[in-house]
Amino acid sequence: PREEKKYVQKQINDLSVKCAEMDQY
């Protein structure tokens, strides 16, 4: 889980995805 979260957060940050959190639909 920790590695998954780090992996996903990097893409959210790098691509500037506007969202409340990564678990948002």
PDBML (XML) file of the C-alpha atoms, coordinates in Angstrom:
<?xml version="1.0" encoding="UTF-8" ?>
<PDBx:datablock datablockName="MODEL"
   xmlns:PDBx="http://pdbml.pdb.org/schema/pdbx-v50.xsd"
   xmlns:xsi="http://www.w3.org/2001/XMLSchema-instance"
   xsi:schemaLocation="http://pdbml.pdb.org/schema/pdbx-v50.xsd pdbx-v50.xsd">
   <PDBx:atom_siteCategory>
      <PDBx:atom_site id="1">
         <PDBx:B_iso_or_equiv>0.00</PDBx:B_iso_or_equiv>
         <PDBx:Cartn_x>0.000</PDBx:Cartn_x>
         <PDBx:Cartn_y>0.000</PDBx:Cartn_y>
         <PDBx:Cartn_z>0.000</PDBx:Cartn_z>
         <PDBx:auth_asym_id>A</PDBx:auth_asym_id>
         <PDBx:auth_atom_id>CA</PDBx:auth_atom_id>
         <PDBx:auth_comp_id>PRO</PDBx:auth_comp_id>
         <PDBx:auth_seq_id>1</PDBx:auth_seq_id>
         <PDBx:group_PDB>ATOM</PDBx:group_PDB>
         <PDBx:label_alt_id xsi:nil="true" />
         <PDBx:label_asym_id>A</PDBx:label_asym_id>
         <PDBx:label_atom_id>CA</PDBx:label_atom_id>
         <PDBx:label_comp_id>PRO</PDBx:label_comp_id>
         <PDBx:label_entity_id>1</PDBx:label_entity_id>
         <PDBx:label_seq_id>1</PDBx:label_seq_id>
         <PDBx:occupancy>1.00</PDBx:occupancy>
         <PDBx:pdbx_PDB_model_num>1</PDBx:pdbx_PDB_model_num>
         <PDBx:type_symbol>C</PDBx:type_symbol>
      </PDBx:atom_site>
      <PDBx:atom_site id="2">
         <PDBx:B_iso_or_equiv>0.00</PDBx:B_iso_or_equiv>
         <PDBx:Cartn_x>2.718</PDBx:Cartn_x>
         <PDBx:Cartn_y>2.517</PDBx:Cartn_y>
         <PDBx:Cartn_z>0.844</PDBx:Cartn_z>
         <PDBx:auth_asym_id>A</PDBx:auth_asym_id>
         <PDBx:auth_atom_id>CA</PDBx:auth_atom_id>
         <PDBx:auth_comp_id>ARG</PDBx:auth_comp_id>
         <PDBx:auth_seq_id>2</PDBx:auth_seq_id>
         <PDBx:group_PDB>ATOM</PDBx:group_PDB>
         <PDBx:label_alt_id xsi:nil="true" />
         <PDBx:label_asym_id>A</PDBx:label_asym_id>
         <PDBx:label_atom_id>CA</PDBx:label_atom_id>
         <PDBx:label_comp_id>ARG</PDBx:label_comp_id>
         <PDBx:label_entity_id>1</PDBx:label_entity_id>
         <PDBx:label_seq_id>2</PDBx:label_seq_id>
         <PDBx:occupancy>1.00</PDBx:occupancy>
         <PDBx:pdbx_PDB_model_num>1</PDBx:pdbx_PDB_model_num>
         <PDBx:type_symbol>C</PDBx:type_symbol>
      </PDBx:atom_site>
      <PDBx:atom_site id="3">
         <PDBx:B_iso_or_equiv>0.00</PDBx:B_iso_or_equiv>
         <PDBx:Cartn_x>4.486</PDBx:Cartn_x>
         <PDBx:Cartn_y>1.979</PDBx:Cartn_y>
         <PDBx:Cartn_z>-2.470</PDBx:Cartn_z>
         <PDBx:auth_asym_id>A</PDBx:auth_asym_id>
         <PDBx:auth_atom_id>CA</PDBx:auth_atom_id>
         <PDBx:auth_comp_id>GLU</PDBx:auth_comp_id>
         <PDBx:auth_seq_id>3</PDBx:auth_seq_id>
         <PDBx:group_PDB>ATOM</PDBx:group_PDB>
         <PDBx:label_alt_id xsi:nil="true" />
         <PDBx:label_asym_id>A</PDBx:label_asym_id>
         <PDBx:label_atom_id>CA</PDBx:label_atom_id>
         <PDBx:label_comp_id>GLU</PDBx:label_comp_id>
         <PDBx:label_entity_id>1</PDBx:label_entity_id>
         <PDBx:label_seq_id>3</PDBx:label_seq_id>
         <PDBx:occupancy>1.00</PDBx:occupancy>
         <PDBx:pdbx_PDB_model_num>1</PDBx:pdbx_PDB_model_num>
         <PDBx:type_symbol>C</PDBx:type_symbol>
      </PDBx:atom_site>
      <PDBx:atom_site id="4">
         <PDBx:B_iso_or_equiv>0.00</PDBx:B_iso_or_equiv>
         <PDBx:Cartn_x>1.179</PDBx:Cartn_x>
         <PDBx:Cartn_y>2.109</PDBx:Cartn_y>
         <PDBx:Cartn_z>-4.356</PDBx:Cartn_z>
         <PDBx:auth_asym_id>A</PDBx:auth_asym_id>
         <PDBx:auth_atom_id>CA</PDBx:auth_atom_id>
         <PDBx:auth_comp_id>GLU</PDBx:auth_comp_id>
         <PDBx:auth_seq_id>4</PDBx:auth_seq_id>
         <PDBx:group_PDB>ATOM</PDBx:group_PDB>
         <PDBx:label_alt_id xsi:nil="true" />
         <PDBx:label_asym_id>A</PDBx:label_asym_id>
         <PDBx:label_atom_id>CA</PDBx:label_atom_id>
         <PDBx:label_comp_id>GLU</PDBx:label_comp_id>
         <PDBx:label_entity_id>1</PDBx:label_entity_id>
         <PDBx:label_seq_id>4</PDBx:label_seq_id>
         <PDBx:occupancy>1.00</PDBx:occupancy>
         <PDBx:pdbx_PDB_model_num>1</PDBx:pdbx_PDB_model_num>
         <PDBx:type_symbol>C</PDBx:type_symbol>
      </PDBx:atom_site>
      <PDBx:atom_site id="5">
         <PDBx:B_iso_or_equiv>0.00</PDBx:B_iso_or_equiv>
         <PDBx:Cartn_x>0.270</PDBx:Cartn_x>
         <PDBx:Cartn_y>5.423</PDBx:Cartn_y>
         <PDBx:Cartn_z>-2.711</PDBx:Cartn_z>
         <PDBx:auth_asym_id>A</PDBx:auth_asym_id>
         <PDBx:auth_atom_id>CA</PDBx:auth_atom_id>
         <PDBx:auth_comp_id>LYS</PDBx:auth_comp_id>
         <PDBx:auth_seq_id>5</PDBx:auth_seq_id>
         <PDBx:group_PDB>ATOM</PDBx:group_PDB>
         <PDBx:label_alt_id xsi:nil="true" />
         <PDBx:label_asym_id>A</PDBx:label_asym_id>
         <PDBx:label_atom_id>CA</PDBx:label_atom_id>
         <PDBx:label_comp_id>LYS</PDBx:label_comp_id>
         <PDBx:label_entity_id>1</PDBx:label_entity_id>
         <PDBx:label_seq_id>5</PDBx:label_seq_id>
         <PDBx:occupancy>1.00</PDBx:occupancy>
         <PDBx:pdbx_PDB_model_num>1</PDBx:pdbx_PDB_model_num>
         <PDBx:type_symbol>C</PDBx:type_symbol>
      </PDBx:atom_site>
      <PDBx:atom_site id="6">
         <PDBx:B_iso_or_equiv>0.00</PDBx:B_iso_or_equiv>
         <PDBx:Cartn_x>3.688</PDBx:Cartn_x>
         <PDBx:Cartn_y>6.896</PDBx:Cartn_y>
         <PDBx:Cartn_z>-3.516</PDBx:Cartn_z>
         <PDBx:auth_asym_id>A</PDBx:auth_asym_id>
         <PDBx:auth_atom_id>CA</PDBx:auth_atom_id>
         <PDBx:auth_comp_id>LYS</PDBx:auth_comp_id>
         <PDBx:auth_seq_id>6</PDBx:auth_seq_id>
         <PDBx:group_PDB>ATOM</PDBx:group_PDB>
         <PDBx:label_alt_id xsi:nil="true" />
         <PDBx:label_asym_id>A</PDBx:label_asym_id>
         <PDBx:label_atom_id>CA</PDBx:label_atom_id>
         <PDBx:label_comp_id>LYS</PDBx:label_comp_id>
         <PDBx:label_entity_id>1</PDBx:label_entity_id>
         <PDBx:label_seq_id>6</PDBx:label_seq_id>
         <PDBx:occupancy>1.00</PDBx:occupancy>
         <PDBx:pdbx_PDB_model_num>1</PDBx:pdbx_PDB_model_num>
         <PDBx:type_symbol>C</PDBx:type_symbol>
      </PDBx:atom_site>
      <PDBx:atom_site id="7">
         <PDBx:B_iso_or_equiv>0.00</PDBx:B_iso_or_equiv>
         <PDBx:Cartn_x>3.389</PDBx:Cartn_x>
         <PDBx:Cartn_y>5.716</PDBx:Cartn_y>
         <PDBx:Cartn_z>-7.147</PDBx:Cartn_z>
         <PDBx:auth_asym_id>A</PDBx:auth_asym_id>
         <PDBx:auth_atom_id>CA</PDBx:auth_atom_id>
         <PDBx:auth_comp_id>TYR</PDBx:auth_comp_id>
         <PDBx:auth_seq_id>7</PDBx:auth_seq_id>
         <PDBx:group_PDB>ATOM</PDBx:group_PDB>
         <PDBx:label_alt_id xsi:nil="true" />
         <PDBx:label_asym_id>A</PDBx:label_asym_id>
         <PDBx:label_atom_id>CA</PDBx:label_atom_id>
         <PDBx:label_comp_id>TYR</PDBx:label_comp_id>
         <PDBx:label_entity_id>1</PDBx:label_entity_id>
         <PDBx:label_seq_id>7</PDBx:label_seq_id>
         <PDBx:occupancy>1.00</PDBx:occupancy>
         <PDBx:pdbx_PDB_model_num>1</PDBx:pdbx_PDB_model_num>
         <PDBx:type_symbol>C</PDBx:type_symbol>
      </PDBx:atom_site>
      <PDBx:atom_site id="8">
         <PDBx:B_iso_or_equiv>0.00</PDBx:B_iso_or_equiv>
         <PDBx:Cartn_x>-0.099</PDBx:Cartn_x>
         <PDBx:Cartn_y>7.228</PDBx:Cartn_y>
         <PDBx:Cartn_z>-7.611</PDBx:Cartn_z>
         <PDBx:auth_asym_id>A</PDBx:auth_asym_id>
         <PDBx:auth_atom_id>CA</PDBx:auth_atom_id>
         <PDBx:auth_comp_id>VAL</PDBx:auth_comp_id>
         <PDBx:auth_seq_id>8</PDBx:auth_seq_id>
         <PDBx:group_PDB>ATOM</PDBx:group_PDB>
         <PDBx:label_alt_id xsi:nil="true" />
         <PDBx:label_asym_id>A</PDBx:label_asym_id>
         <PDBx:label_atom_id>CA</PDBx:label_atom_id>
         <PDBx:label_comp_id>VAL</PDBx:label_comp_id>
         <PDBx:label_entity_id>1</PDBx:label_entity_id>
         <PDBx:label_seq_id>8</PDBx:label_seq_id>
         <PDBx:occupancy>1.00</PDBx:occupancy>
         <PDBx:pdbx_PDB_model_num>1</PDBx:pdbx_PDB_model_num>
         <PDBx:type_symbol>C</PDBx:type_symbol>
      </PDBx:atom_site>
      <PDBx:atom_site id="9">
         <PDBx:B_iso_or_equiv>0.00</PDBx:B_iso_or_equiv>
         <PDBx:Cartn_x>0.704</PDBx:Cartn_x>
         <PDBx:Cartn_y>10.475</PDBx:Cartn_y>
         <PDBx:Cartn_z>-5.801</PDBx:Cartn_z>
         <PDBx:auth_asym_id>A</PDBx:auth_asym_id>
         <PDBx:auth_atom_id>CA</PDBx:auth_atom_id>
         <PDBx:auth_comp_id>GLN</PDBx:auth_comp_id>
         <PDBx:auth_seq_id>9</PDBx:auth_seq_id>
         <PDBx:group_PDB>ATOM</PDBx:group_PDB>
         <PDBx:label_alt_id xsi:nil="true" />
         <PDBx:label_asym_id>A</PDBx:label_asym_id>
         <PDBx:label_atom_id>CA</PDBx:label_atom_id>
         <PDBx:label_comp_id>GLN</PDBx:label_comp_id>
         <PDBx:label_entity_id>1</PDBx:label_entity_id>
         <PDBx:label_seq_id>9</PDBx:label_seq_id>
         <PDBx:occupancy>1.00</PDBx:occupancy>
         <PDBx:pdbx_PDB_model_num>1</PDBx:pdbx_PDB_model_num>
         <PDBx:type_symbol>C</PDBx:type_symbol>
      </PDBx:atom_site>
      <PDBx:atom_site id="10">
         <PDBx:B_iso_or_equiv>0.00</PDBx:B_iso_or_equiv>
         <PDBx:Cartn_x>3.694</PDBx:Cartn_x>
         <PDBx:Cartn_y>11.049</PDBx:Cartn_y>
         <PDBx:Cartn_z>-8.080</PDBx:Cartn_z>
         <PDBx:auth_asym_id>A</PDBx:auth_asym_id>
         <PDBx:auth_atom_id>CA</PDBx:auth_atom_id>
         <PDBx:auth_comp_id>LYS</PDBx:auth_comp_id>
         <PDBx:auth_seq_id>10</PDBx:auth_seq_id>
         <PDBx:group_PDB>ATOM</PDBx:group_PDB>
         <PDBx:label_alt_id xsi:nil="true" />
         <PDBx:label_asym_id>A</PDBx:label_asym_id>
         <PDBx:label_atom_id>CA</PDBx:label_atom_id>
         <PDBx:label_comp_id>LYS</PDBx:label_comp_id>
         <PDBx:label_entity_id>1</PDBx:label_entity_id>
         <PDBx:label_seq_id>10</PDBx:label_seq_id>
         <PDBx:occupancy>1.00</PDBx:occupancy>
         <PDBx:pdbx_PDB_model_num>1</PDBx:pdbx_PDB_model_num>
         <PDBx:type_symbol>C</PDBx:type_symbol>
      </PDBx:atom_site>
      <PDBx:atom_site id="11">
         <PDBx:B_iso_or_equiv>0.00</PDBx:B_iso_or_equiv>
         <PDBx:Cartn_x>1.449</PDBx:Cartn_x>
         <PDBx:Cartn_y>10.908</PDBx:Cartn_y>
         <PDBx:Cartn_z>-11.155</PDBx:Cartn_z>
         <PDBx:auth_asym_id>A</PDBx:auth_asym_id>
         <PDBx:auth_atom_id>CA</PDBx:auth_atom_id>
         <PDBx:auth_comp_id>GLN</PDBx:auth_comp_id>
         <PDBx:auth_seq_id>11</PDBx:auth_seq_id>
         <PDBx:group_PDB>ATOM</PDBx:group_PDB>
         <PDBx:label_alt_id xsi:nil="true" />
         <PDBx:label_asym_id>A</PDBx:label_asym_id>
         <PDBx:label_atom_id>CA</PDBx:label_atom_id>
         <PDBx:label_comp_id>GLN</PDBx:label_comp_id>
         <PDBx:label_entity_id>1</PDBx:label_entity_id>
         <PDBx:label_seq_id>11</PDBx:label_seq_id>
         <PDBx:occupancy>1.00</PDBx:occupancy>
         <PDBx:pdbx_PDB_model_num>1</PDBx:pdbx_PDB_model_num>
         <PDBx:type_symbol>C</PDBx:type_symbol>
      </PDBx:atom_site>
      <PDBx:atom_site id="12">
         <PDBx:B_iso_or_equiv>0.00</PDBx:B_iso_or_equiv>
         <PDBx:Cartn_x>-1.131</PDBx:Cartn_x>
         <PDBx:Cartn_y>13.210</PDBx:Cartn_y>
         <PDBx:Cartn_z>-9.546</PDBx:Cartn_z>
         <PDBx:auth_asym_id>A</PDBx:auth_asym_id>
         <PDBx:auth_atom_id>CA</PDBx:auth_atom_id>
         <PDBx:auth_comp_id>ILE</PDBx:auth_comp_id>
         <PDBx:auth_seq_id>12</PDBx:auth_seq_id>
         <PDBx:group_PDB>ATOM</PDBx:group_PDB>
         <PDBx:label_alt_id xsi:nil="true" />
         <PDBx:label_asym_id>A</PDBx:label_asym_id>
         <PDBx:label_atom_id>CA</PDBx:label_atom_id>
         <PDBx:label_comp_id>ILE</PDBx:label_comp_id>
         <PDBx:label_entity_id>1</PDBx:label_entity_id>
         <PDBx:label_seq_id>12</PDBx:label_seq_id>
         <PDBx:occupancy>1.00</PDBx:occupancy>
         <PDBx:pdbx_PDB_model_num>1</PDBx:pdbx_PDB_model_num>
         <PDBx:type_symbol>C</PDBx:type_symbol>
      </PDBx:atom_site>
      <PDBx:atom_site id="13">
         <PDBx:B_iso_or_equiv>0.00</PDBx:B_iso_or_equiv>
         <PDBx:Cartn_x>1.613</PDBx:Cartn_x>
         <PDBx:Cartn_y>15.715</PDBx:Cartn_y>
         <PDBx:Cartn_z>-8.716</PDBx:Cartn_z>
         <PDBx:auth_asym_id>A</PDBx:auth_asym_id>
         <PDBx:auth_atom_id>CA</PDBx:auth_atom_id>
         <PDBx:auth_comp_id>ASN</PDBx:auth_comp_id>
         <PDBx:auth_seq_id>13</PDBx:auth_seq_id>
         <PDBx:group_PDB>ATOM</PDBx:group_PDB>
         <PDBx:label_alt_id xsi:nil="true" />
         <PDBx:label_asym_id>A</PDBx:label_asym_id>
         <PDBx:label_atom_id>CA</PDBx:label_atom_id>
         <PDBx:label_comp_id>ASN</PDBx:label_comp_id>
         <PDBx:label_entity_id>1</PDBx:label_entity_id>
         <PDBx:label_seq_id>13</PDBx:label_seq_id>
         <PDBx:occupancy>1.00</PDBx:occupancy>
         <PDBx:pdbx_PDB_model_num>1</PDBx:pdbx_PDB_model_num>
         <PDBx:type_symbol>C</PDBx:type_symbol>
      </PDBx:atom_site>
      <PDBx:atom_site id="14">
         <PDBx:B_iso_or_equiv>0.00</PDBx:B_iso_or_equiv>
         <PDBx:Cartn_x>3.517</PDBx:Cartn_x>
         <PDBx:Cartn_y>15.442</PDBx:Cartn_y>
         <PDBx:Cartn_z>-12.006</PDBx:Cartn_z>
         <PDBx:auth_asym_id>A</PDBx:auth_asym_id>
         <PDBx:auth_atom_id>CA</PDBx:auth_atom_id>
         <PDBx:auth_comp_id>ASP</PDBx:auth_comp_id>
         <PDBx:auth_seq_id>14</PDBx:auth_seq_id>
         <PDBx:group_PDB>ATOM</PDBx:group_PDB>
         <PDBx:label_alt_id xsi:nil="true" />
         <PDBx:label_asym_id>A</PDBx:label_asym_id>
         <PDBx:label_atom_id>CA</PDBx:label_atom_id>
         <PDBx:label_comp_id>ASP</PDBx:label_comp_id>
         <PDBx:label_entity_id>1</PDBx:label_entity_id>
         <PDBx:label_seq_id>14</PDBx:label_seq_id>
         <PDBx:occupancy>1.00</PDBx:occupancy>
         <PDBx:pdbx_PDB_model_num>1</PDBx:pdbx_PDB_model_num>
         <PDBx:type_symbol>C</PDBx:type_symbol>
      </PDBx:atom_site>
      <PDBx:atom_site id="15">
         <PDBx:B_iso_or_equiv>0.00</PDBx:B_iso_or_equiv>
         <PDBx:Cartn_x>0.374</PDBx:Cartn_x>
         <PDBx:Cartn_y>15.866</PDBx:Cartn_y>
         <PDBx:Cartn_z>-14.119</PDBx:Cartn_z>
         <PDBx:auth_asym_id>A</PDBx:auth_asym_id>
         <PDBx:auth_atom_id>CA</PDBx:auth_atom_id>
         <PDBx:auth_comp_id>LEU</PDBx:auth_comp_id>
         <PDBx:auth_seq_id>15</PDBx:auth_seq_id>
         <PDBx:group_PDB>ATOM</PDBx:group_PDB>
         <PDBx:label_alt_id xsi:nil="true" />
         <PDBx:label_asym_id>A</PDBx:label_asym_id>
         <PDBx:label_atom_id>CA</PDBx:label_atom_id>
         <PDBx:label_comp_id>LEU</PDBx:label_comp_id>
         <PDBx:label_entity_id>1</PDBx:label_entity_id>
         <PDBx:label_seq_id>15</PDBx:label_seq_id>
         <PDBx:occupancy>1.00</PDBx:occupancy>
         <PDBx:pdbx_PDB_model_num>1</PDBx:pdbx_PDB_model_num>
         <PDBx:type_symbol>C</PDBx:type_symbol>
      </PDBx:atom_site>
      <PDBx:atom_site id="16">
         <PDBx:B_iso_or_equiv>0.00</PDBx:B_iso_or_equiv>
         <PDBx:Cartn_x>-1.311</PDBx:Cartn_x>
         <PDBx:Cartn_y>18.396</PDBx:Cartn_y>
         <PDBx:Cartn_z>-11.778</PDBx:Cartn_z>
         <PDBx:auth_asym_id>A</PDBx:auth_asym_id>
         <PDBx:auth_atom_id>CA</PDBx:auth_atom_id>
         <PDBx:auth_comp_id>SER</PDBx:auth_comp_id>
         <PDBx:auth_seq_id>16</PDBx:auth_seq_id>
         <PDBx:group_PDB>ATOM</PDBx:group_PDB>
         <PDBx:label_alt_id xsi:nil="true" />
         <PDBx:label_asym_id>A</PDBx:label_asym_id>
         <PDBx:label_atom_id>CA</PDBx:label_atom_id>
         <PDBx:label_comp_id>SER</PDBx:label_comp_id>
         <PDBx:label_entity_id>1</PDBx:label_entity_id>
         <PDBx:label_seq_id>16</PDBx:label_seq_id>
         <PDBx:occupancy>1.00</PDBx:occupancy>
         <PDBx:pdbx_PDB_model_num>1</PDBx:pdbx_PDB_model_num>
         <PDBx:type_symbol>C</PDBx:type_symbol>
      </PDBx:atom_site>
      <PDBx:atom_site id="17">
         <PDBx:B_iso_or_equiv>0.00</PDBx:B_iso_or_equiv>
         <PDBx:Cartn_x>-4.535</PDBx:Cartn_x>
         <PDBx:Cartn_y>16.373</PDBx:Cartn_y>
         <PDBx:Cartn_z>-11.461</PDBx:Cartn_z>
         <PDBx:auth_asym_id>A</PDBx:auth_asym_id>
         <PDBx:auth_atom_id>CA</PDBx:auth_atom_id>
         <PDBx:auth_comp_id>VAL</PDBx:auth_comp_id>
         <PDBx:auth_seq_id>17</PDBx:auth_seq_id>
         <PDBx:group_PDB>ATOM</PDBx:group_PDB>
         <PDBx:label_alt_id xsi:nil="true" />
         <PDBx:label_asym_id>A</PDBx:label_asym_id>
         <PDBx:label_atom_id>CA</PDBx:label_atom_id>
         <PDBx:label_comp_id>VAL</PDBx:label_comp_id>
         <PDBx:label_entity_id>1</PDBx:label_entity_id>
         <PDBx:label_seq_id>17</PDBx:label_seq_id>
         <PDBx:occupancy>1.00</PDBx:occupancy>
         <PDBx:pdbx_PDB_model_num>1</PDBx:pdbx_PDB_model_num>
         <PDBx:type_symbol>C</PDBx:type_symbol>
      </PDBx:atom_site>
      <PDBx:atom_site id="18">
         <PDBx:B_iso_or_equiv>0.00</PDBx:B_iso_or_equiv>
         <PDBx:Cartn_x>-7.092</PDBx:Cartn_x>
         <PDBx:Cartn_y>18.587</PDBx:Cartn_y>
         <PDBx:Cartn_z>-9.705</PDBx:Cartn_z>
         <PDBx:auth_asym_id>A</PDBx:auth_asym_id>
         <PDBx:auth_atom_id>CA</PDBx:auth_atom_id>
         <PDBx:auth_comp_id>LYS</PDBx:auth_comp_id>
         <PDBx:auth_seq_id>18</PDBx:auth_seq_id>
         <PDBx:group_PDB>ATOM</PDBx:group_PDB>
         <PDBx:label_alt_id xsi:nil="true" />
         <PDBx:label_asym_id>A</PDBx:label_asym_id>
         <PDBx:label_atom_id>CA</PDBx:label_atom_id>
         <PDBx:label_comp_id>LYS</PDBx:label_comp_id>
         <PDBx:label_entity_id>1</PDBx:label_entity_id>
         <PDBx:label_seq_id>18</PDBx:label_seq_id>
         <PDBx:occupancy>1.00</PDBx:occupancy>
         <PDBx:pdbx_PDB_model_num>1</PDBx:pdbx_PDB_model_num>
         <PDBx:type_symbol>C</PDBx:type_symbol>
      </PDBx:atom_site>
      <PDBx:atom_site id="19">
         <PDBx:B_iso_or_equiv>0.00</PDBx:B_iso_or_equiv>
         <PDBx:Cartn_x>-8.803</PDBx:Cartn_x>
         <PDBx:Cartn_y>16.391</PDBx:Cartn_y>
         <PDBx:Cartn_z>-7.125</PDBx:Cartn_z>
         <PDBx:auth_asym_id>A</PDBx:auth_asym_id>
         <PDBx:auth_atom_id>CA</PDBx:auth_atom_id>
         <PDBx:auth_comp_id>CYS</PDBx:auth_comp_id>
         <PDBx:auth_seq_id>19</PDBx:auth_seq_id>
         <PDBx:group_PDB>ATOM</PDBx:group_PDB>
         <PDBx:label_alt_id xsi:nil="true" />
         <PDBx:label_asym_id>A</PDBx:label_asym_id>
         <PDBx:label_atom_id>CA</PDBx:label_atom_id>
         <PDBx:label_comp_id>CYS</PDBx:label_comp_id>
         <PDBx:label_entity_id>1</PDBx:label_entity_id>
         <PDBx:label_seq_id>19</PDBx:label_seq_id>
         <PDBx:occupancy>1.00</PDBx:occupancy>
         <PDBx:pdbx_PDB_model_num>1</PDBx:pdbx_PDB_model_num>
         <PDBx:type_symbol>C</PDBx:type_symbol>
      </PDBx:atom_site>
      <PDBx:atom_site id="20">
         <PDBx:B_iso_or_equiv>0.00</PDBx:B_iso_or_equiv>
         <PDBx:Cartn_x>-9.817</PDBx:Cartn_x>
         <PDBx:Cartn_y>16.340</PDBx:Cartn_y>
         <PDBx:Cartn_z>-3.466</PDBx:Cartn_z>
         <PDBx:auth_asym_id>A</PDBx:auth_asym_id>
         <PDBx:auth_atom_id>CA</PDBx:auth_atom_id>
         <PDBx:auth_comp_id>ALA</PDBx:auth_comp_id>
         <PDBx:auth_seq_id>20</PDBx:auth_seq_id>
         <PDBx:group_PDB>ATOM</PDBx:group_PDB>
         <PDBx:label_alt_id xsi:nil="true" />
         <PDBx:label_asym_id>A</PDBx:label_asym_id>
         <PDBx:label_atom_id>CA</PDBx:label_atom_id>
         <PDBx:label_comp_id>ALA</PDBx:label_comp_id>
         <PDBx:label_entity_id>1</PDBx:label_entity_id>
         <PDBx:label_seq_id>20</PDBx:label_seq_id>
         <PDBx:occupancy>1.00</PDBx:occupancy>
         <PDBx:pdbx_PDB_model_num>1</PDBx:pdbx_PDB_model_num>
         <PDBx:type_symbol>C</PDBx:type_symbol>
      </PDBx:atom_site>
      <PDBx:atom_site id="21">
         <PDBx:B_iso_or_equiv>0.00</PDBx:B_iso_or_equiv>
         <PDBx:Cartn_x>-7.858</PDBx:Cartn_x>
         <PDBx:Cartn_y>13.121</PDBx:Cartn_y>
         <PDBx:Cartn_z>-2.826</PDBx:Cartn_z>
         <PDBx:auth_asym_id>A</PDBx:auth_asym_id>
         <PDBx:auth_atom_id>CA</PDBx:auth_atom_id>
         <PDBx:auth_comp_id>GLU</PDBx:auth_comp_id>
         <PDBx:auth_seq_id>21</PDBx:auth_seq_id>
         <PDBx:group_PDB>ATOM</PDBx:group_PDB>
         <PDBx:label_alt_id xsi:nil="true" />
         <PDBx:label_asym_id>A</PDBx:label_asym_id>
         <PDBx:label_atom_id>CA</PDBx:label_atom_id>
         <PDBx:label_comp_id>GLU</PDBx:label_comp_id>
         <PDBx:label_entity_id>1</PDBx:label_entity_id>
         <PDBx:label_seq_id>21</PDBx:label_seq_id>
         <PDBx:occupancy>1.00</PDBx:occupancy>
         <PDBx:pdbx_PDB_model_num>1</PDBx:pdbx_PDB_model_num>
         <PDBx:type_symbol>C</PDBx:type_symbol>
      </PDBx:atom_site>
      <PDBx:atom_site id="22">
         <PDBx:B_iso_or_equiv>0.00</PDBx:B_iso_or_equiv>
         <PDBx:Cartn_x>-6.590</PDBx:Cartn_x>
         <PDBx:Cartn_y>10.081</PDBx:Cartn_y>
         <PDBx:Cartn_z>-4.689</PDBx:Cartn_z>
         <PDBx:auth_asym_id>A</PDBx:auth_asym_id>
         <PDBx:auth_atom_id>CA</PDBx:auth_atom_id>
         <PDBx:auth_comp_id>MET</PDBx:auth_comp_id>
         <PDBx:auth_seq_id>22</PDBx:auth_seq_id>
         <PDBx:group_PDB>ATOM</PDBx:group_PDB>
         <PDBx:label_alt_id xsi:nil="true" />
         <PDBx:label_asym_id>A</PDBx:label_asym_id>
         <PDBx:label_atom_id>CA</PDBx:label_atom_id>
         <PDBx:label_comp_id>MET</PDBx:label_comp_id>
         <PDBx:label_entity_id>1</PDBx:label_entity_id>
         <PDBx:label_seq_id>22</PDBx:label_seq_id>
         <PDBx:occupancy>1.00</PDBx:occupancy>
         <PDBx:pdbx_PDB_model_num>1</PDBx:pdbx_PDB_model_num>
         <PDBx:type_symbol>C</PDBx:type_symbol>
      </PDBx:atom_site>
      <PDBx:atom_site id="23">
         <PDBx:B_iso_or_equiv>0.00</PDBx:B_iso_or_equiv>
         <PDBx:Cartn_x>-9.533</PDBx:Cartn_x>
         <PDBx:Cartn_y>7.985</PDBx:Cartn_y>
         <PDBx:Cartn_z>-3.436</PDBx:Cartn_z>
         <PDBx:auth_asym_id>A</PDBx:auth_asym_id>
         <PDBx:auth_atom_id>CA</PDBx:auth_atom_id>
         <PDBx:auth_comp_id>ASP</PDBx:auth_comp_id>
         <PDBx:auth_seq_id>23</PDBx:auth_seq_id>
         <PDBx:group_PDB>ATOM</PDBx:group_PDB>
         <PDBx:label_alt_id xsi:nil="true" />
         <PDBx:label_asym_id>A</PDBx:label_asym_id>
         <PDBx:label_atom_id>CA</PDBx:label_atom_id>
         <PDBx:label_comp_id>ASP</PDBx:label_comp_id>
         <PDBx:label_entity_id>1</PDBx:label_entity_id>
         <PDBx:label_seq_id>23</PDBx:label_seq_id>
         <PDBx:occupancy>1.00</PDBx:occupancy>
         <PDBx:pdbx_PDB_model_num>1</PDBx:pdbx_PDB_model_num>
         <PDBx:type_symbol>C</PDBx:type_symbol>
      </PDBx:atom_site>
      <PDBx:atom_site id="24">
         <PDBx:B_iso_or_equiv>0.00</PDBx:B_iso_or_equiv>
         <PDBx:Cartn_x>-12.026</PDBx:Cartn_x>
         <PDBx:Cartn_y>10.305</PDBx:Cartn_y>
         <PDBx:Cartn_z>-5.143</PDBx:Cartn_z>
         <PDBx:auth_asym_id>A</PDBx:auth_asym_id>
         <PDBx:auth_atom_id>CA</PDBx:auth_atom_id>
         <PDBx:auth_comp_id>GLN</PDBx:auth_comp_id>
         <PDBx:auth_seq_id>24</PDBx:auth_seq_id>
         <PDBx:group_PDB>ATOM</PDBx:group_PDB>
         <PDBx:label_alt_id xsi:nil="true" />
         <PDBx:label_asym_id>A</PDBx:label_asym_id>
         <PDBx:label_atom_id>CA</PDBx:label_atom_id>
         <PDBx:label_comp_id>GLN</PDBx:label_comp_id>
         <PDBx:label_entity_id>1</PDBx:label_entity_id>
         <PDBx:label_seq_id>24</PDBx:label_seq_id>
         <PDBx:occupancy>1.00</PDBx:occupancy>
         <PDBx:pdbx_PDB_model_num>1</PDBx:pdbx_PDB_model_num>
         <PDBx:type_symbol>C</PDBx:type_symbol>
      </PDBx:atom_site>
      <PDBx:atom_site id="25">
         <PDBx:B_iso_or_equiv>0.00</PDBx:B_iso_or_equiv>
         <PDBx:Cartn_x>-14.111</PDBx:Cartn_x>
         <PDBx:Cartn_y>8.645</PDBx:Cartn_y>
         <PDBx:Cartn_z>-7.885</PDBx:Cartn_z>
         <PDBx:auth_asym_id>A</PDBx:auth_asym_id>
         <PDBx:auth_atom_id>CA</PDBx:auth_atom_id>
         <PDBx:auth_comp_id>TYR</PDBx:auth_comp_id>
         <PDBx:auth_seq_id>25</PDBx:auth_seq_id>
         <PDBx:group_PDB>ATOM</PDBx:group_PDB>
         <PDBx:label_alt_id xsi:nil="true" />
         <PDBx:label_asym_id>A</PDBx:label_asym_id>
         <PDBx:label_atom_id>CA</PDBx:label_atom_id>
         <PDBx:label_comp_id>TYR</PDBx:label_comp_id>
         <PDBx:label_entity_id>1</PDBx:label_entity_id>
         <PDBx:label_seq_id>25</PDBx:label_seq_id>
         <PDBx:occupancy>1.00</PDBx:occupancy>
         <PDBx:pdbx_PDB_model_num>1</PDBx:pdbx_PDB_model_num>
         <PDBx:type_symbol>C</PDBx:type_symbol>
      </PDBx:atom_site>
   </PDBx:atom_siteCategory>
</PDBx:datablock>
